[in-house]
Protein backbone atom coordinates (compact mmCIF):
# COMPACT_ATOMS: atom_id res chain seq x y z
CA UNK A 1 14.47 -0.86 10.13
CA UNK A 2 11.42 -3.04 10.83
CA UNK A 3 8.06 -2.48 9.17
CA UNK A 4 6.59 -0.93 12.31
CA UNK A 5 9.28 1.78 12.33
CA UNK A 6 8.66 2.82 8.73
CA UNK A 7 5.95 5.28 7.81
CA UNK A 8 3.66 4.14 5.04
CA UNK A 9 4.01 5.80 1.67
CA UNK A 10 0.86 6.52 -0.40
CA UNK A 11 0.98 3.24 -2.35
CA UNK A 12 1.37 1.20 0.83
CA UNK A 13 -1.56 3.06 2.41
CA UNK A 14 -3.69 2.32 -0.67
CA UNK A 15 -2.90 -1.41 -0.49
CA UNK A 16 -2.74 -2.01 3.27
CA UNK A 17 -5.27 0.68 4.29
CA UNK A 18 -4.87 3.87 6.32
CA UNK A 19 -4.68 1.85 9.54
CA UNK A 20 -2.90 -1.33 8.47
CA UNK A 21 -2.88 -4.52 10.47
CA UNK A 22 0.56 -5.69 11.53
CA UNK A 23 2.00 -8.61 13.42
CA UNK A 24 3.45 -8.13 16.90
CA UNK A 25 6.82 -7.58 15.22
CA UNK A 26 5.34 -4.96 12.90
CA UNK A 27 5.19 -6.91 9.63
CA UNK A 28 2.43 -5.47 7.41
CA UNK A 29 -0.28 -8.01 6.70
CA UNK A 30 -1.85 -8.34 3.28
CA UNK A 31 -5.60 -8.54 2.76
CA UNK A 32 -5.59 -12.34 2.98
CA UNK A 33 -3.81 -12.41 6.34
CA UNK A 34 -5.46 -9.54 8.21
CA UNK A 35 -8.17 -11.65 9.86
CA UNK A 36 -5.61 -14.22 10.99
CA UNK A 37 -3.41 -11.58 12.61
CA UNK A 38 -0.31 -13.29 11.25
CA UNK A 39 1.28 -13.96 7.90
CA UNK A 40 0.05 -17.33 6.64
CA UNK A 41 3.44 -17.82 4.94
CA UNK A 42 5.27 -17.43 8.25
CA UNK A 43 6.94 -14.09 7.53
CA UNK A 44 7.87 -12.53 10.84
CA UNK A 45 9.61 -9.27 9.95
CA UNK A 46 11.33 -7.23 7.25
CA UNK A 47 14.29 -4.92 7.55
CA UNK A 48 15.60 -2.63 4.83
CA UNK A 49 19.38 -2.81 4.70
CA UNK A 50 21.86 -0.45 3.09
CA UNK A 51 21.63 -0.39 -0.67
CA UNK A 52 17.94 -1.27 -0.66
CA UNK A 53 18.38 -4.98 0.08
CA UNK A 54 15.58 -6.34 2.29
CA UNK A 55 16.19 -8.93 5.00
CA UNK A 56 13.20 -11.08 5.95
CA UNK A 57 12.89 -13.38 8.95
CA UNK A 58 10.47 -16.27 8.48
CA UNK A 59 9.52 -19.83 9.41
CA UNK A 60 7.69 -22.29 7.20
CA UNK A 61 4.56 -23.32 9.12
CA UNK A 62 4.10 -27.08 9.60
CA UNK A 63 0.88 -27.02 7.55
CA UNK A 64 2.98 -26.22 4.45
CA UNK A 65 5.01 -29.44 4.68
CA UNK A 66 5.21 -31.29 1.39
CA UNK A 67 7.19 -34.17 2.88
CA UNK A 68 8.25 -35.16 6.37
CA UNK A 69 9.49 -31.93 8.00
CA UNK A 70 10.21 -30.40 4.57
CA UNK A 71 8.46 -27.39 3.06
CA UNK A 72 6.34 -27.86 -0.04
CA UNK A 73 7.95 -26.30 -3.10
CA UNK A 74 4.80 -24.25 -3.61
CA UNK A 75 5.35 -22.59 -0.24
CA UNK A 76 8.94 -21.78 -1.18
CA UNK A 77 7.88 -20.11 -4.43
CA UNK A 78 4.96 -18.30 -2.77
CA UNK A 79 7.08 -16.84 0.03
CA UNK A 80 9.76 -15.73 -2.45
CA UNK A 81 7.05 -14.11 -4.58
CA UNK A 82 5.80 -12.26 -1.48
CA UNK A 83 9.30 -11.07 -0.58
CA UNK A 84 10.01 -9.87 -4.11
CA UNK A 85 6.62 -8.21 -4.48
CA UNK A 86 7.28 -5.95 -1.51
CA UNK A 87 10.41 -4.44 -3.05
CA UNK A 88 8.54 -1.93 -5.21
CA UNK A 89 6.27 -0.96 -2.31
CA UNK A 90 9.23 0.35 -0.36
CA UNK A 91 9.89 2.75 -3.24
CA UNK A 92 6.27 3.99 -3.38
CA UNK A 93 5.52 1.86 -6.44
CA UNK A 94 3.14 -1.03 -6.99
CA UNK A 95 4.11 -4.00 -9.14
CA UNK A 96 2.71 -7.39 -10.04
CA UNK A 97 4.45 -10.64 -10.85
CA UNK A 98 5.04 -11.21 -14.54
CA UNK A 99 7.34 -14.21 -14.17
CA UNK A 100 9.07 -16.04 -11.37
CA UNK A 101 11.73 -18.72 -11.65
CA UNK A 102 12.74 -20.63 -8.53
CA UNK A 103 15.84 -22.77 -8.13
CA UNK A 104 15.67 -25.20 -5.22
CA UNK A 105 19.12 -25.84 -3.77
CA UNK A 106 18.34 -27.80 -0.58
CA UNK A 107 15.18 -28.92 1.22
CA UNK A 108 13.63 -26.15 3.30
CA UNK A 109 12.89 -27.40 6.82
CA UNK A 110 9.53 -26.56 8.37
CA UNK A 111 9.37 -24.88 11.78
CA UNK A 112 12.99 -23.67 11.58
CA UNK A 113 14.18 -20.08 11.59
CA UNK A 114 14.93 -18.89 8.08
CA UNK A 115 16.35 -15.71 6.63
CA UNK A 116 15.50 -14.23 3.26
CA UNK A 117 17.19 -11.55 1.23
CA UNK A 118 15.58 -9.71 -1.67
CA UNK A 119 16.89 -6.96 -3.92
CA UNK A 120 16.35 -5.19 -7.21
CA UNK A 121 18.88 -6.38 -9.75
CA UNK A 122 17.88 -3.71 -12.27
CA UNK A 123 14.97 -1.56 -13.37
CA UNK A 124 14.07 -1.02 -16.97
CA UNK A 125 11.27 1.55 -16.99
CA UNK A 126 8.29 -0.20 -15.42
CA UNK A 127 10.04 -3.57 -15.43
CA UNK A 128 11.63 -4.65 -12.14
CA UNK A 129 14.18 -7.46 -12.35
CA UNK A 130 14.40 -8.81 -8.81
CA UNK A 131 16.18 -11.57 -6.92
CA UNK A 132 15.44 -13.32 -3.64
CA UNK A 133 17.11 -16.02 -1.59
CA UNK A 134 16.19 -18.11 1.44
CA UNK A 135 18.78 -19.40 3.91
CA UNK A 136 18.74 -21.39 7.10
CA UNK A 137 19.14 -18.63 9.69
CA UNK A 138 22.67 -18.18 10.95
CA UNK A 139 24.25 -20.15 8.12
CA UNK A 140 25.41 -19.48 4.59
CA UNK A 141 23.37 -22.45 3.38
CA UNK A 142 21.35 -21.35 0.38
CA UNK A 143 18.06 -23.23 0.28
CA UNK A 144 16.29 -21.54 -2.64
CA UNK A 145 16.80 -18.65 -5.04
CA UNK A 146 14.25 -16.87 -7.21
CA UNK A 147 14.54 -14.43 -10.08
CA UNK A 148 11.47 -12.51 -11.02
CA UNK A 149 10.16 -9.93 -13.40
CA UNK A 150 7.63 -7.58 -11.84
CA UNK A 151 5.71 -4.96 -13.81
CA UNK A 152 4.68 -1.62 -12.31
CA UNK A 153 0.97 -0.91 -12.25
CA UNK A 154 -1.01 1.98 -10.90
CA UNK A 155 -3.22 1.40 -7.91
CA UNK A 156 -6.36 1.25 -10.08
CA UNK A 157 -5.11 -2.23 -11.10
CA UNK A 158 -7.53 -3.79 -8.58
CA UNK A 159 -10.52 -1.82 -9.87
CA UNK A 160 -9.74 -2.88 -13.44
CA UNK A 161 -9.60 -6.50 -12.29
CA UNK A 162 -12.93 -6.14 -10.52
CA UNK A 163 -14.52 -4.67 -13.67
CA UNK A 164 -12.97 -7.36 -15.89
CA UNK A 165 -14.34 -10.12 -13.63
CA UNK A 166 -17.76 -8.50 -13.65
CA UNK A 167 -17.74 -8.60 -17.45
CA UNK A 168 -16.61 -12.25 -17.43
CA UNK A 169 -19.59 -13.18 -15.27
CA UNK A 170 -21.91 -11.66 -17.92
CA UNK A 171 -20.34 -13.63 -20.77
């Protein structure tokens, strides 16, 4: 089911707002992408599959090229981090990246249709062990794979950050 067909749980409402901004395909936009009206990473849509696996359709925008017609490795890791970070949201939880390891299998072409898959490998209390992969759409060609550790936080995480930064400015 696409993002626009899924009702927002309380954590998603707290992060994305009571009236979230979505793309034409219904993908929820984060704070950094709302003004643009599109995901800056090129994520087009998400679909939750059986067993909790999430399928993501995406395209690497040309401005993220690191070489001729090839995505920058930083884009690859950032988009995988985004895909993995959404997994807890679908279960009414909020988590932040603790670690992310990316294996690059093949160059990721810019401006080509891509497909991502993300899933929870295991949960250990507040620790989410997650995996994500990016493929050239319509093929079994693995382009990149990430394993991450995400830690659950409560939604006051952002307020604590704000307060911490305020105290850093005084120091």
